[in-house]
């Protein structure tokens, strides 16, 4: 008996189920534009029914078109995915170093809530399977940040996209401190303080933050009123009648 024929290779494991979801959250912008172009072409009967090609914005107006779409069009699959991962990575970046049981419950609830309600149906199913195989790690900021990164990389691998290093220093540089270019010409010095704080323990980070904050007169050491000036080491000195 000949051996069974192996199933056809699928480069994108999610491609087999993409056709089951028809709304915008399951489609890329290119998919939607192609679909619109096909409908326009099949429905065009005269010059009064322009095709998508005739209404496609020129290079000069592409930025205006992008701005218009940003505020008027539903999120497509790619934009929705980028924003969702951004929320998850940013939440993990600012997650407490030693979270309370309530904070841990909230973090796990956020992950499970997205897995249960995500608008892209086949993306949702895939994420549910991933977190069942590797449940959320929410016992610390590092554990949560690394877990989110690994989950993101699993999706990137399926889509043929580059993966990101999942060490905390790299993650903080991407999602918390940023590169100097993120902060403009004077961002380099500020970024050094941000990165130093991110690399420190919580107590050290607080101390370094305080050192970087410009000093200001303390209302507790020098306060003027109608009758008194409070001086450090002197006490109240009467100035009024």
C-alpha atoms as a PDB file:
ATOM      1  CA  UNK A   1       0.000   0.000   0.000  1.00  0.00           C
ATOM      2  CA  UNK A   2       1.469   3.382  -0.978  1.00  0.00           C
ATOM      3  CA  UNK A   3       2.108   5.843   1.857  1.00  0.00           C
ATOM      4  CA  UNK A   4      -0.589   8.487   2.392  1.00  0.00           C
ATOM      5  CA  UNK A   5      -0.139  11.749   0.576  1.00  0.00           C
ATOM      6  CA  UNK A   6       0.980  14.443   3.007  1.00  0.00           C
ATOM      7  CA  UNK A   7      -1.276  17.490   3.333  1.00  0.00           C
ATOM      8  CA  UNK A   8      -0.281  20.556   1.308  1.00  0.00           C
ATOM      9  CA  UNK A   9       2.148  22.872   3.030  1.00  0.00           C
ATOM     10  CA  UNK A  10       0.617  26.111   4.276  1.00  0.00           C
ATOM     11  CA  UNK A  11       3.098  28.948   4.627  1.00  0.00           C
ATOM     12  CA  UNK A  12       0.699  30.918   6.788  1.00  0.00           C
ATOM     13  CA  UNK A  13      -1.074  28.593   9.258  1.00  0.00           C
ATOM     14  CA  UNK A  14      -3.826  31.189   9.692  1.00  0.00           C
ATOM     15  CA  UNK A  15      -4.582  31.430   5.973  1.00  0.00           C
ATOM     16  CA  UNK A  16      -6.841  28.367   5.990  1.00  0.00           C
ATOM     17  CA  UNK A  17      -9.344  30.082   8.290  1.00  0.00           C
ATOM     18  CA  UNK A  18      -9.072  33.665   7.059  1.00  0.00           C
ATOM     19  CA  UNK A  19     -11.911  33.214   4.594  1.00  0.00           C
ATOM     20  CA  UNK A  20     -14.330  32.450   7.425  1.00  0.00           C
ATOM     21  CA  UNK A  21     -14.189  36.025   8.713  1.00  0.00           C
ATOM     22  CA  UNK A  22     -15.498  38.776   6.457  1.00  0.00           C
ATOM     23  CA  UNK A  23     -15.517  41.930   8.576  1.00  0.00           C
ATOM     24  CA  UNK A  24     -12.817  44.607   8.598  1.00  0.00           C
ATOM     25  CA  UNK A  25     -10.985  43.358  11.705  1.00  0.00           C
ATOM     26  CA  UNK A  26     -10.059  40.155   9.829  1.00  0.00           C
ATOM     27  CA  UNK A  27      -8.820  41.816   6.640  1.00  0.00           C
ATOM     28  CA  UNK A  28      -5.749  43.834   5.797  1.00  0.00           C
ATOM     29  CA  UNK A  29      -6.180  47.178   4.080  1.00  0.00           C
ATOM     30  CA  UNK A  30      -4.806  45.656   0.877  1.00  0.00           C
ATOM     31  CA  UNK A  31      -7.413  42.882   1.034  1.00  0.00           C
ATOM     32  CA  UNK A  32     -10.210  45.430   1.446  1.00  0.00           C
ATOM     33  CA  UNK A  33      -8.930  47.621  -1.376  1.00  0.00           C
ATOM     34  CA  UNK A  34      -8.685  44.616  -3.698  1.00  0.00           C
ATOM     35  CA  UNK A  35     -12.203  43.576  -2.774  1.00  0.00           C
ATOM     36  CA  UNK A  36     -13.498  47.085  -3.384  1.00  0.00           C
ATOM     37  CA  UNK A  37     -11.679  47.209  -6.723  1.00  0.00           C
ATOM     38  CA  UNK A  38     -13.261  43.908  -7.779  1.00  0.00           C
ATOM     39  CA  UNK A  39     -16.759  45.066  -6.862  1.00  0.00           C
ATOM     40  CA  UNK A  40     -16.235  48.393  -8.578  1.00  0.00           C
ATOM     41  CA  UNK A  41     -14.971  46.721 -11.747  1.00  0.00           C
ATOM     42  CA  UNK A  42     -17.854  44.225 -11.898  1.00  0.00           C
ATOM     43  CA  UNK A  43     -20.427  46.921 -11.229  1.00  0.00           C
ATOM     44  CA  UNK A  44     -19.076  49.573 -13.581  1.00  0.00           C
ATOM     45  CA  UNK A  45     -21.390  50.054 -16.547  1.00  0.00           C
ATOM     46  CA  UNK A  46     -20.585  53.573 -17.647  1.00  0.00           C
ATOM     47  CA  UNK A  47     -18.158  56.426 -17.161  1.00  0.00           C
ATOM     48  CA  UNK A  48     -20.409  57.689 -14.382  1.00  0.00           C
ATOM     49  CA  UNK A  49     -19.310  54.706 -12.234  1.00  0.00           C
ATOM     50  CA  UNK A  50     -15.585  55.308 -11.617  1.00  0.00           C
ATOM     51  CA  UNK A  51     -13.377  52.380 -10.640  1.00  0.00           C
ATOM     52  CA  UNK A  52     -11.161  52.299  -7.600  1.00  0.00           C
ATOM     53  CA  UNK A  53      -8.131  53.019  -9.772  1.00  0.00           C
ATOM     54  CA  UNK A  54      -9.588  56.329 -10.913  1.00  0.00           C
ATOM     55  CA  UNK A  55     -10.292  57.364  -7.332  1.00  0.00           C
ATOM     56  CA  UNK A  56      -6.990  56.179  -5.845  1.00  0.00           C
ATOM     57  CA  UNK A  57      -5.201  59.161  -4.256  1.00  0.00           C
ATOM     58  CA  UNK A  58      -2.039  60.439  -5.894  1.00  0.00           C
ATOM     59  CA  UNK A  59       1.272  60.518  -4.054  1.00  0.00           C
ATOM     60  CA  UNK A  60       0.724  64.208  -3.287  1.00  0.00           C
ATOM     61  CA  UNK A  61      -2.548  63.506  -1.503  1.00  0.00           C
ATOM     62  CA  UNK A  62      -1.636  60.155   0.077  1.00  0.00           C
ATOM     63  CA  UNK A  63      -0.940  61.726   3.469  1.00  0.00           C
ATOM     64  CA  UNK A  64      -4.347  63.413   3.435  1.00  0.00           C
ATOM     65  CA  UNK A  65      -5.942  60.114   2.473  1.00  0.00           C
ATOM     66  CA  UNK A  66      -4.142  58.325   5.332  1.00  0.00           C
ATOM     67  CA  UNK A  67      -5.277  60.979   7.794  1.00  0.00           C
ATOM     68  CA  UNK A  68      -8.855  60.689   6.556  1.00  0.00           C
ATOM     69  CA  UNK A  69      -8.819  56.892   6.888  1.00  0.00           C
ATOM     70  CA  UNK A  70      -7.406  57.136  10.403  1.00  0.00           C
ATOM     71  CA  UNK A  71     -10.480  58.962  11.672  1.00  0.00           C
ATOM     72  CA  UNK A  72     -13.208  57.534   9.436  1.00  0.00           C
ATOM     73  CA  UNK A  73     -12.439  53.869   8.672  1.00  0.00           C
ATOM     74  CA  UNK A  74     -12.672  50.763  10.865  1.00  0.00           C
ATOM     75  CA  UNK A  75      -9.363  49.304  11.969  1.00  0.00           C
ATOM     76  CA  UNK A  76      -8.095  46.639   9.607  1.00  0.00           C
ATOM     77  CA  UNK A  77      -6.403  43.465  10.832  1.00  0.00           C
ATOM     78  CA  UNK A  78      -2.844  44.831  10.719  1.00  0.00           C
ATOM     79  CA  UNK A  79      -3.617  48.125  12.454  1.00  0.00           C
ATOM     80  CA  UNK A  80      -5.726  46.397  15.081  1.00  0.00           C
ATOM     81  CA  UNK A  81      -2.938  43.899  15.749  1.00  0.00           C
ATOM     82  CA  UNK A  82      -0.235  46.569  16.019  1.00  0.00           C
ATOM     83  CA  UNK A  83      -2.302  48.646  18.446  1.00  0.00           C
ATOM     84  CA  UNK A  84      -3.273  45.659  20.569  1.00  0.00           C
ATOM     85  CA  UNK A  85       0.321  44.468  20.908  1.00  0.00           C
ATOM     86  CA  UNK A  86       1.310  48.044  21.723  1.00  0.00           C
ATOM     87  CA  UNK A  87      -1.204  48.142  24.579  1.00  0.00           C
ATOM     88  CA  UNK A  88      -0.045  44.777  25.915  1.00  0.00           C
ATOM     89  CA  UNK A  89       3.682  45.607  25.701  1.00  0.00           C
ATOM     90  CA  UNK A  90       3.168  49.051  27.267  1.00  0.00           C
ATOM     91  CA  UNK A  91       1.022  47.644  30.075  1.00  0.00           C
ATOM     92  CA  UNK A  92       3.733  45.079  30.851  1.00  0.00           C
ATOM     93  CA  UNK A  93       6.469  47.744  30.695  1.00  0.00           C
ATOM     94  CA  UNK A  94       4.759  49.781  33.440  1.00  0.00           C
ATOM     95  CA  UNK A  95       3.520  46.792  35.420  1.00  0.00           C
ATOM     96  CA  UNK A  96       4.653  46.751  39.084  1.00  0.00           C
ATOM     97  CA  UNK A  97       7.889  45.003  39.946  1.00  0.00           C
ATOM     98  CA  UNK A  98       6.139  43.179  42.796  1.00  0.00           C
ATOM     99  CA  UNK A  99       2.430  43.198  41.929  1.00  0.00           C
ATOM    100  CA  UNK A 100      -0.261  42.554  44.498  1.00  0.00           C
ATOM    101  CA  UNK A 101      -2.634  39.599  44.048  1.00  0.00           C
ATOM    102  CA  UNK A 102      -5.264  42.036  42.764  1.00  0.00           C
ATOM    103  CA  UNK A 103      -2.860  43.488  40.180  1.00  0.00           C
ATOM    104  CA  UNK A 104      -1.901  39.997  39.066  1.00  0.00           C
ATOM    105  CA  UNK A 105      -5.567  39.130  38.649  1.00  0.00           C
ATOM    106  CA  UNK A 106      -6.158  42.274  36.598  1.00  0.00           C
ATOM    107  CA  UNK A 107      -3.182  41.534  34.325  1.00  0.00           C
ATOM    108  CA  UNK A 108      -4.322  37.962  33.701  1.00  0.00           C
ATOM    109  CA  UNK A 109      -7.860  39.237  33.162  1.00  0.00           C
ATOM    110  CA  UNK A 110      -6.641  41.678  30.522  1.00  0.00           C
ATOM    111  CA  UNK A 111      -4.982  38.869  28.575  1.00  0.00           C
ATOM    112  CA  UNK A 112      -7.929  36.499  28.844  1.00  0.00           C
ATOM    113  CA  UNK A 113     -10.365  39.286  28.002  1.00  0.00           C
ATOM    114  CA  UNK A 114      -8.542  40.063  24.755  1.00  0.00           C
ATOM    115  CA  UNK A 115      -8.324  36.362  23.948  1.00  0.00           C
ATOM    116  CA  UNK A 116     -12.081  36.024  24.442  1.00  0.00           C
ATOM    117  CA  UNK A 117     -13.285  39.207  22.733  1.00  0.00           C
ATOM    118  CA  UNK A 118     -10.720  40.058  20.049  1.00  0.00           C
ATOM    119  CA  UNK A 119     -12.596  41.191  16.905  1.00  0.00           C
ATOM    120  CA  UNK A 120     -10.571  39.098  14.428  1.00  0.00           C
ATOM    121  CA  UNK A 121     -12.134  35.681  14.926  1.00  0.00           C
ATOM    122  CA  UNK A 122      -9.330  33.413  13.698  1.00  0.00           C
ATOM    123  CA  UNK A 123      -6.719  35.595  15.449  1.00  0.00           C
ATOM    124  CA  UNK A 124      -8.768  35.201  18.626  1.00  0.00           C
ATOM    125  CA  UNK A 125      -8.889  31.418  18.285  1.00  0.00           C
ATOM    126  CA  UNK A 126      -5.146  31.244  17.688  1.00  0.00           C
ATOM    127  CA  UNK A 127      -4.404  33.448  20.723  1.00  0.00           C
ATOM    128  CA  UNK A 128      -6.648  31.321  22.916  1.00  0.00           C
ATOM    129  CA  UNK A 129      -4.697  28.209  21.925  1.00  0.00           C
ATOM    130  CA  UNK A 130      -1.396  29.969  22.597  1.00  0.00           C
ATOM    131  CA  UNK A 131      -2.300  31.076  26.128  1.00  0.00           C
ATOM    132  CA  UNK A 132      -3.654  27.631  26.942  1.00  0.00           C
ATOM    133  CA  UNK A 133      -0.282  26.161  25.984  1.00  0.00           C
ATOM    134  CA  UNK A 134       1.646  28.937  27.755  1.00  0.00           C
ATOM    135  CA  UNK A 135      -0.491  30.664  30.447  1.00  0.00           C
ATOM    136  CA  UNK A 136       0.197  34.322  31.332  1.00  0.00           C
ATOM    137  CA  UNK A 137       3.120  35.002  33.675  1.00  0.00           C
ATOM    138  CA  UNK A 138       2.080  37.891  35.884  1.00  0.00           C
ATOM    139  CA  UNK A 139       4.168  37.426  39.037  1.00  0.00           C
ATOM    140  CA  UNK A 140       6.534  40.307  38.160  1.00  0.00           C
ATOM    141  CA  UNK A 141       7.134  43.052  35.611  1.00  0.00           C
ATOM    142  CA  UNK A 142       9.934  41.102  33.962  1.00  0.00           C
ATOM    143  CA  UNK A 143       7.909  37.886  33.787  1.00  0.00           C
ATOM    144  CA  UNK A 144       4.903  39.663  32.259  1.00  0.00           C
ATOM    145  CA  UNK A 145       7.009  41.642  29.765  1.00  0.00           C
ATOM    146  CA  UNK A 146       8.891  38.554  28.589  1.00  0.00           C
ATOM    147  CA  UNK A 147       5.682  36.514  28.336  1.00  0.00           C
ATOM    148  CA  UNK A 148       4.020  39.161  26.126  1.00  0.00           C
ATOM    149  CA  UNK A 149       7.134  39.279  23.951  1.00  0.00           C
ATOM    150  CA  UNK A 150       7.191  35.501  23.485  1.00  0.00           C
ATOM    151  CA  UNK A 151       3.508  35.466  22.541  1.00  0.00           C
ATOM    152  CA  UNK A 152       4.082  38.266  20.026  1.00  0.00           C
ATOM    153  CA  UNK A 153       7.021  36.386  18.536  1.00  0.00           C
ATOM    154  CA  UNK A 154       4.886  33.264  18.099  1.00  0.00           C
ATOM    155  CA  UNK A 155       2.524  35.278  15.907  1.00  0.00           C
ATOM    156  CA  UNK A 156       5.405  36.935  14.052  1.00  0.00           C
ATOM    157  CA  UNK A 157       6.896  33.547  13.233  1.00  0.00           C
ATOM    158  CA  UNK A 158       3.572  32.330  11.818  1.00  0.00           C
ATOM    159  CA  UNK A 159       3.325  35.451   9.661  1.00  0.00           C
ATOM    160  CA  UNK A 160       6.948  35.343   8.517  1.00  0.00           C
ATOM    161  CA  UNK A 161       7.849  38.545  10.372  1.00  0.00           C
ATOM    162  CA  UNK A 162      11.060  39.235  12.329  1.00  0.00           C
ATOM    163  CA  UNK A 163      11.104  38.308  16.004  1.00  0.00           C
ATOM    164  CA  UNK A 164      12.136  40.680  18.785  1.00  0.00           C
ATOM    165  CA  UNK A 165      14.677  39.948  21.574  1.00  0.00           C
ATOM    166  CA  UNK A 166      12.784  39.207  24.770  1.00  0.00           C
ATOM    167  CA  UNK A 167      15.305  40.319  27.399  1.00  0.00           C
ATOM    168  CA  UNK A 168      13.981  43.032  29.702  1.00  0.00           C
ATOM    169  CA  UNK A 169      16.616  45.631  28.733  1.00  0.00           C
ATOM    170  CA  UNK A 170      15.651  45.425  25.043  1.00  0.00           C
ATOM    171  CA  UNK A 171      11.950  45.470  25.881  1.00  0.00           C
ATOM    172  CA  UNK A 172      12.310  48.526  28.126  1.00  0.00           C
ATOM    173  CA  UNK A 173      14.264  50.338  25.427  1.00  0.00           C
ATOM    174  CA  UNK A 174      11.443  49.653  22.958  1.00  0.00           C
ATOM    175  CA  UNK A 175       8.401  50.202  25.162  1.00  0.00           C
ATOM    176  CA  UNK A 176       9.475  52.359  28.118  1.00  0.00           C
ATOM    177  CA  UNK A 177      12.621  54.458  27.725  1.00  0.00           C
ATOM    178  CA  UNK A 178      12.886  54.751  23.940  1.00  0.00           C
ATOM    179  CA  UNK A 179      15.900  55.663  21.851  1.00  0.00           C
ATOM    180  CA  UNK A 180      17.366  59.201  21.978  1.00  0.00           C
ATOM    181  CA  UNK A 181      15.815  59.922  18.588  1.00  0.00           C
ATOM    182  CA  UNK A 182      12.361  59.452  20.136  1.00  0.00           C
ATOM    183  CA  UNK A 183      12.849  62.581  22.230  1.00  0.00           C
ATOM    184  CA  UNK A 184      14.327  64.996  19.692  1.00  0.00           C
ATOM    185  CA  UNK A 185      17.670  66.799  19.752  1.00  0.00           C
ATOM    186  CA  UNK A 186      17.832  67.082  23.540  1.00  0.00           C
ATOM    187  CA  UNK A 187      16.522  63.584  24.098  1.00  0.00           C
ATOM    188  CA  UNK A 188      19.883  61.887  24.481  1.00  0.00           C
ATOM    189  CA  UNK A 189      20.585  63.089  28.024  1.00  0.00           C
ATOM    190  CA  UNK A 190      17.028  62.507  29.196  1.00  0.00           C
ATOM    191  CA  UNK A 191      17.062  59.063  27.608  1.00  0.00           C
ATOM    192  CA  UNK A 192      20.225  58.140  29.498  1.00  0.00           C
ATOM    193  CA  UNK A 193      18.441  58.897  32.751  1.00  0.00           C
ATOM    194  CA  UNK A 194      15.389  56.911  31.636  1.00  0.00           C
ATOM    195  CA  UNK A 195      17.505  53.888  30.689  1.00  0.00           C
ATOM    196  CA  UNK A 196      19.538  54.101  33.896  1.00  0.00           C
ATOM    197  CA  UNK A 197      16.328  54.166  35.892  1.00  0.00           C
ATOM    198  CA  UNK A 198      14.976  51.191  33.955  1.00  0.00           C
ATOM    199  CA  UNK A 199      18.154  49.193  34.667  1.00  0.00           C
ATOM    200  CA  UNK A 200      18.027  49.924  38.401  1.00  0.00           C
ATOM    201  CA  UNK A 201      16.070  48.473  41.264  1.00  0.00           C
ATOM    202  CA  UNK A 202      12.844  50.371  42.123  1.00  0.00           C
ATOM    203  CA  UNK A 203      14.568  52.180  45.038  1.00  0.00           C
ATOM    204  CA  UNK A 204      17.599  53.140  42.920  1.00  0.00           C
ATOM    205  CA  UNK A 205      15.356  54.234  40.060  1.00  0.00           C
ATOM    206  CA  UNK A 206      13.425  56.531  42.392  1.00  0.00           C
ATOM    207  CA  UNK A 207      16.651  58.054  43.714  1.00  0.00           C
ATOM    208  CA  UNK A 208      18.018  58.658  40.196  1.00  0.00           C
ATOM    209  CA  UNK A 209      14.729  60.197  39.104  1.00  0.00           C
ATOM    210  CA  UNK A 210      14.843  62.583  42.058  1.00  0.00           C
ATOM    211  CA  UNK A 211      18.453  63.525  41.224  1.00  0.00           C
ATOM    212  CA  UNK A 212      17.433  64.416  37.690  1.00  0.00           C
ATOM    213  CA  UNK A 213      14.485  66.589  38.727  1.00  0.00           C
ATOM    214  CA  UNK A 214      15.520  70.278  38.986  1.00  0.00           C
ATOM    215  CA  UNK A 215      15.500  71.403  42.598  1.00  0.00           C
ATOM    216  CA  UNK A 216      12.851  73.860  43.682  1.00  0.00           C
ATOM    217  CA  UNK A 217      12.371  75.802  46.935  1.00  0.00           C
ATOM    218  CA  UNK A 218      10.548  73.633  49.435  1.00  0.00           C
ATOM    219  CA  UNK A 219       7.419  75.161  50.956  1.00  0.00           C
ATOM    220  CA  UNK A 220       8.322  73.281  54.168  1.00  0.00           C
ATOM    221  CA  UNK A 221      11.704  74.954  54.600  1.00  0.00           C
ATOM    222  CA  UNK A 222      10.831  78.514  53.628  1.00  0.00           C
ATOM    223  CA  UNK A 223       7.278  79.809  53.795  1.00  0.00           C
ATOM    224  CA  UNK A 224       6.216  83.409  53.926  1.00  0.00           C
ATOM    225  CA  UNK A 225       2.975  84.584  55.459  1.00  0.00           C
ATOM    226  CA  UNK A 226       1.678  87.825  56.809  1.00  0.00           C
ATOM    227  CA  UNK A 227       3.306  87.328  60.171  1.00  0.00           C
ATOM    228  CA  UNK A 228       6.079  84.730  59.946  1.00  0.00           C
ATOM    229  CA  UNK A 229       9.034  83.462  57.878  1.00  0.00           C
ATOM    230  CA  UNK A 230       9.977  79.839  58.606  1.00  0.00           C
ATOM    231  CA  UNK A 231      13.738  79.303  58.276  1.00  0.00           C
ATOM    232  CA  UNK A 232      15.482  75.905  58.501  1.00  0.00           C
ATOM    233  CA  UNK A 233      17.255  75.503  61.829  1.00  0.00           C
ATOM    234  CA  UNK A 234      15.858  78.805  63.127  1.00  0.00           C
ATOM    235  CA  UNK A 235      12.157  78.263  63.533  1.00  0.00           C
ATOM    236  CA  UNK A 236       9.560  80.973  63.279  1.00  0.00           C
ATOM    237  CA  UNK A 237      10.794  84.532  63.003  1.00  0.00           C
ATOM    238  CA  UNK A 238       8.109  87.119  63.479  1.00  0.00           C
ATOM    239  CA  UNK A 239       7.960  89.729  60.737  1.00  0.00           C
ATOM    240  CA  UNK A 240       4.600  91.337  61.286  1.00  0.00           C
ATOM    241  CA  UNK A 241       2.900  93.171  64.111  1.00  0.00           C
END
